[in-house]
Structures are given as C-alpha cells and as structure tokens.
Amino acid sequence: MQIIEHSIIGTRSAVLRLRRPGSQLQFVLFPMLHVASPEFYAAVAQRLRQCDLLIVEGIGGRSVLTWAITLTYRVLPANKRSGLVADNIKYRSLGVELINPDVTTAEFAQGWRAVPLRYRLLMWCVIPIVAVAQFLGSTRRLLSPEVELNDLPSAKDEMYSDDEFTGHFERTFGGDRDERVLATLSELIRTRSSERIDVAVVYGAGHVPAIVRGLADRHGYRPRTAEWLTVLNA
C-alpha cells in the first residue's frame, strides 16, 4: 500500500481511513511532510476541521538539538523559488480537541545520549552538509522517486535493517515515538470504541507504516479507503 506516491505529475500523500468490525471509532491517518506546497497544508487543515479529535506529532519544547536536526528541512522554504513552505497549520486553532502524545525535548535528548558518541559526532558533521544540499536541491528532493513510501519495508530498508548506525537512529527518531502514539491510540480504542468519531492521526509519513501495522496487529484496524492529496505538482 502506497503512503507517499511519486509520478510524472508530482508527489502525493494518501490520507488513509482505518476501520474494524464492531467499532464505531475510525482513524484517519494524515502522512505529513515537513515541507510542501501551501495548498497541501490548506487541504489537510480543511479535513482536520471535520474530525472529532486530533492526535498530532510534535516534540514538546525547544532545544539546540531539535533546532539543528530540523534545520535540514527548514532551509528548503528559504529558497523562495521552490514555492515550498514549512508545515504552517495552527493545529490548536482548528477548533478540534487535540492530544500530543509525542516525547518531550528532555526525553528525546535522553534517547539521543544513548546513541554511541561516534554516531552522534557523525550526525553533527552531516547536518550542515544535508542542509546545504537541501537548499540547493530545492524542489528536486520532493519530486524524486526517493520520497516514495509504502507500508512494507523497501529493499533499501531491508538492506540496512541490521546496520548498527541505522538501528540506533531508528529507535531515537522513530521506535520510541511510534510506541508512544500507539499507546495513545490503544487507550482511545479501549475507552471510546462505541462512539462514532473520526480520530485524525497527523504524523510524519515515516511514522505511518509503524502506526498502520500497530493498529492492524494489536486491534484489527485495516485501511478501507484512501484519498490522495497533492504535496507538490511537477
């Protein structure tokens, strides 16, 4: 199942609706990208207003570490010719109840310190290079096959799955945070399954495969419909 699709017309994100028999509660997954066209974020915001509850990604608080890491994508909108903007949705102003189950900066920093020093130093060295490449590459990154994402691991993912470097960073940036959001969704299923509500899960596209698998394996939720939103036209 495709989550982010690349084609000759551009890049699209699949909004997934998950249901299970015997439950009134439905999940609507919004695979997000850190930068996109303004029209993409406007379309997402419009659909979020129609939901009953928002589960939104976002590390709580500010730190030098998160500032440096997010620099790798914040530089893209700085290139005005790209037409890109960073996620500009004011989630708490949409008039919908919101829960943010993500880690705090302190918790994220704790996970970061668990990464061996040599890998952390390598990351600090790579960040400026990636930022410059992103700025110069502008829209090419979002309009390349590299952005494609499926619910199953790609051949490239499987190739690096046993790599120590990759494993450490997957736990820091993904695994622990994925478990946090899945715990929140599990609690909603336990307490509100009898309610006919749409729960929007607004998380980075990279988290969506784990969320889809977790809801399927633990609770029997399956994607039933998908709506494509254009991230960027070619």
Protein backbone atom coordinates (compact mmCIF):
# COMPACT_ATOMS: atom_id res chain seq x y z
CA MET A 1 0.00 0.00 0.00
CA GLN A 2 1.44 3.35 -1.06
CA ILE A 3 1.64 6.12 1.51
CA ILE A 4 3.66 8.68 -0.46
CA GLU A 5 3.50 8.40 -4.24
CA HIS A 6 5.79 9.91 -6.86
CA SER A 7 4.84 10.14 -10.53
CA ILE A 8 5.30 12.37 -13.56
CA ILE A 9 2.55 14.67 -12.28
CA GLY A 10 4.18 15.22 -8.89
CA THR A 11 4.15 13.88 -5.35
CA ARG A 12 1.01 12.85 -3.46
CA SER A 13 0.17 11.75 0.09
CA ALA A 14 -2.52 9.16 0.83
CA VAL A 15 -4.98 10.06 3.59
CA LEU A 16 -5.96 6.64 4.98
CA ARG A 17 -9.20 5.78 6.76
CA LEU A 18 -8.92 2.73 9.05
CA ARG A 19 -11.87 0.77 10.40
CA ARG A 20 -12.53 -2.51 12.17
CA PRO A 21 -15.72 -4.57 12.62
CA GLY A 22 -17.59 -3.90 15.81
CA SER A 23 -16.09 -0.47 16.49
CA GLN A 24 -17.67 2.89 15.72
CA LEU A 25 -14.38 4.74 16.16
CA GLN A 26 -12.44 5.33 12.94
CA PHE A 27 -8.89 6.56 12.43
CA VAL A 28 -7.93 8.94 9.63
CA LEU A 29 -4.16 8.95 9.06
CA PHE A 30 -2.55 12.03 7.51
CA PRO A 31 1.02 11.21 6.35
CA MET A 32 2.76 14.57 6.61
CA LEU A 33 5.91 16.03 5.11
CA HIS A 34 7.87 18.76 6.86
CA VAL A 35 7.75 20.97 3.76
CA ALA A 36 5.24 21.04 0.92
CA SER A 37 3.15 23.40 -1.17
CA PRO A 38 0.85 25.78 0.75
CA GLU A 39 -2.10 24.12 -0.98
CA PHE A 40 -1.24 20.77 0.63
CA TYR A 41 -1.36 22.16 4.16
CA ALA A 42 -4.57 24.07 3.39
CA ALA A 43 -6.20 20.83 2.18
CA VAL A 44 -5.07 18.95 5.32
CA ALA A 45 -6.33 21.72 7.62
CA GLN A 46 -9.73 21.70 5.91
CA ARG A 47 -10.12 17.96 6.51
CA LEU A 48 -8.89 18.14 10.10
CA ARG A 49 -11.68 20.57 10.98
CA GLN A 50 -14.15 17.83 10.05
CA CYS A 51 -12.63 15.37 12.56
CA ASP A 52 -13.60 14.94 16.21
CA LEU A 53 -10.16 14.51 17.76
CA LEU A 54 -6.61 15.25 16.59
CA ILE A 55 -3.54 13.19 17.56
CA VAL A 56 -0.65 15.38 16.47
CA GLU A 57 3.10 14.78 16.30
CA GLY A 58 5.45 17.33 17.81
CA ILE A 59 8.34 17.10 20.26
CA GLY A 60 7.39 19.23 23.24
CA GLY A 61 9.72 22.14 24.00
CA ARG A 62 12.76 23.61 22.31
CA SER A 63 16.42 22.66 22.33
CA VAL A 64 19.59 23.20 20.33
CA LEU A 65 19.46 19.55 19.30
CA THR A 66 15.97 19.67 17.77
CA TRP A 67 16.73 23.06 16.19
CA ALA A 68 19.80 21.63 14.46
CA ILE A 69 18.03 18.49 13.24
CA THR A 70 15.02 20.37 11.87
CA LEU A 71 17.39 22.77 10.08
CA THR A 72 17.86 20.07 7.41
CA TYR A 73 14.34 20.71 6.11
CA ARG A 74 13.67 24.27 7.31
CA VAL A 75 16.19 25.55 4.77
CA LEU A 76 14.04 24.43 1.81
CA PRO A 77 11.44 27.22 2.09
CA ALA A 78 14.33 29.70 2.41
CA ASN A 79 14.86 29.14 -1.30
CA LYS A 80 11.94 31.31 -2.45
CA ARG A 81 11.99 29.88 -5.96
CA SER A 82 10.93 26.50 -4.58
CA GLY A 83 7.41 27.62 -3.70
CA LEU A 84 7.61 25.41 -0.61
CA VAL A 85 6.59 26.26 2.93
CA ALA A 86 7.17 24.52 6.24
CA ASP A 87 4.13 22.98 7.92
CA ASN A 88 2.12 26.12 8.77
CA ILE A 89 -1.02 24.53 10.20
CA LYS A 90 -2.01 26.03 13.55
CA TYR A 91 -3.39 22.78 14.94
CA ARG A 92 -4.61 24.21 18.24
CA SER A 93 -6.60 26.87 16.39
CA LEU A 94 -8.69 24.44 14.34
CA GLY A 95 -11.43 24.17 16.94
CA VAL A 96 -10.93 20.43 17.46
CA GLU A 97 -9.77 18.65 20.62
CA LEU A 98 -6.06 17.86 20.35
CA ILE A 99 -3.73 15.37 22.02
CA ASN A 100 0.04 15.45 21.60
CA PRO A 101 1.48 12.11 22.77
CA ASP A 102 5.00 12.78 21.47
CA VAL A 103 8.14 12.85 23.59
CA THR A 104 9.45 15.99 25.29
CA THR A 105 12.80 17.54 24.42
CA ALA A 106 14.23 16.06 27.64
CA GLU A 107 13.05 12.57 26.68
CA PHE A 108 14.34 12.99 23.15
CA ALA A 109 17.72 14.16 24.48
CA GLN A 110 17.87 11.11 26.74
CA GLY A 111 17.38 8.84 23.72
CA TRP A 112 19.98 10.84 21.81
CA ARG A 113 22.55 10.37 24.58
CA ALA A 114 22.00 6.61 24.34
CA VAL A 115 23.38 6.69 20.79
CA PRO A 116 27.14 5.92 20.79
CA LEU A 117 29.27 9.07 20.72
CA ARG A 118 30.88 8.25 17.38
CA TYR A 119 27.48 8.18 15.69
CA ARG A 120 26.38 11.40 17.33
CA LEU A 121 29.54 13.15 16.15
CA LEU A 122 28.98 11.83 12.64
CA MET A 123 25.42 13.18 12.73
CA TRP A 124 26.61 16.64 13.77
CA CYS A 125 29.05 16.61 10.85
CA VAL A 126 26.41 15.52 8.36
CA ILE A 127 23.69 18.02 9.33
CA PRO A 128 25.33 21.12 7.68
CA ILE A 129 26.05 19.14 4.50
CA VAL A 130 22.48 17.89 4.26
CA ALA A 131 21.10 21.39 4.93
CA VAL A 132 23.15 22.92 2.10
CA ALA A 133 22.20 20.10 -0.27
CA GLN A 134 18.52 20.54 0.59
CA PHE A 135 18.70 24.29 -0.04
CA LEU A 136 20.42 23.87 -3.40
CA GLY A 137 18.26 20.92 -4.39
CA SER A 138 15.07 22.87 -3.65
CA THR A 139 12.03 21.01 -5.06
CA ARG A 140 14.04 18.18 -6.65
CA ARG A 141 14.02 16.23 -3.39
CA LEU A 142 10.23 16.28 -3.16
CA LEU A 143 9.84 15.41 -6.85
CA SER A 144 12.15 12.41 -6.90
CA PRO A 145 11.37 8.69 -6.54
CA GLU A 146 13.27 8.74 -3.23
CA VAL A 147 10.25 10.22 -1.46
CA GLU A 148 8.04 7.21 -2.22
CA LEU A 149 6.90 5.32 0.85
CA ASN A 150 4.96 2.08 1.30
CA ASP A 151 3.61 0.27 4.33
CA LEU A 152 6.10 -2.56 3.77
CA PRO A 153 9.90 -2.16 4.06
CA SER A 154 11.67 -1.44 0.79
CA ALA A 155 14.69 -3.38 -0.46
CA LYS A 156 16.85 -0.49 0.76
CA ASP A 157 15.25 -0.63 4.22
CA GLU A 158 15.91 -4.36 4.49
CA MET A 159 19.49 -3.87 3.35
CA TYR A 160 20.19 -1.51 6.25
CA SER A 161 17.87 -3.10 8.84
CA ASP A 162 20.75 -4.82 10.65
CA ASP A 163 23.06 -1.84 10.43
CA GLU A 164 24.06 -0.63 13.92
CA PHE A 165 24.08 3.05 12.91
CA THR A 166 20.59 2.82 11.39
CA GLY A 167 19.25 0.87 14.36
CA HIS A 168 20.30 3.48 16.90
CA PHE A 169 18.72 6.35 15.00
CA GLU A 170 15.54 4.45 14.20
CA ARG A 171 14.98 3.92 17.92
CA THR A 172 15.68 7.58 18.72
CA PHE A 173 13.70 9.19 15.91
CA GLY A 174 11.05 6.53 15.34
CA GLY A 175 10.64 3.47 17.54
CA ASP A 176 10.10 5.06 20.94
CA ARG A 177 7.87 7.78 19.49
CA ASP A 178 5.85 5.24 17.50
CA GLU A 179 5.19 3.26 20.66
CA ARG A 180 4.05 6.43 22.40
CA VAL A 181 1.41 7.27 19.79
CA LEU A 182 0.26 3.64 19.53
CA ALA A 183 -0.27 3.56 23.30
CA THR A 184 -2.48 6.65 23.00
CA LEU A 185 -4.49 5.11 20.15
CA SER A 186 -4.89 1.86 22.08
CA GLU A 187 -6.33 3.79 25.04
CA LEU A 188 -8.81 5.54 22.76
CA ILE A 189 -9.92 2.18 21.36
CA ARG A 190 -10.35 0.85 24.89
CA THR A 191 -12.39 3.80 26.12
CA ARG A 192 -14.22 5.23 23.09
CA SER A 193 -14.85 2.39 20.60
CA SER A 194 -18.60 2.77 21.00
CA GLU A 195 -18.52 6.41 19.82
CA ARG A 196 -18.89 7.28 16.16
CA ILE A 197 -15.93 9.62 15.94
CA ASP A 198 -13.18 10.29 13.44
CA VAL A 199 -9.75 10.45 15.09
CA ALA A 200 -7.17 12.17 12.91
CA VAL A 201 -3.58 10.98 13.35
CA VAL A 202 -1.29 13.69 11.99
CA TYR A 203 2.24 12.31 11.92
CA GLY A 204 5.26 12.42 9.66
CA ALA A 205 4.97 9.98 6.76
CA GLY A 206 7.91 7.97 8.09
CA HIS A 207 5.90 7.05 11.20
CA VAL A 208 2.79 5.94 9.30
CA PRO A 209 3.88 2.38 8.34
CA ALA A 210 4.52 1.54 12.00
CA ILE A 211 1.19 3.09 13.04
CA VAL A 212 -0.71 1.15 10.35
CA ARG A 213 0.98 -2.13 11.33
CA GLY A 214 0.46 -1.48 15.04
CA LEU A 215 -3.27 -0.79 14.66
CA ALA A 216 -3.67 -3.88 12.46
CA ASP A 217 -1.69 -6.30 14.62
CA ARG A 218 -2.98 -5.12 18.00
CA HIS A 219 -6.55 -4.11 17.24
CA GLY A 220 -7.59 -5.40 13.82
CA TYR A 221 -7.89 -1.98 12.20
CA ARG A 222 -7.35 -2.01 8.42
CA PRO A 223 -7.17 0.75 5.79
CA ARG A 224 -10.53 0.81 3.98
CA THR A 225 -10.34 3.94 1.84
CA ALA A 226 -7.67 6.39 0.72
CA GLU A 227 -7.79 9.95 -0.59
CA TRP A 228 -4.82 11.39 -2.44
CA LEU A 229 -3.66 14.94 -1.59
CA THR A 230 -1.09 16.64 -3.80
CA VAL A 231 2.06 17.53 -1.91
CA LEU A 232 3.71 19.24 -4.89
CA ASN A 233 2.98 19.38 -8.59
CA ALA A 234 5.78 18.60 -11.04
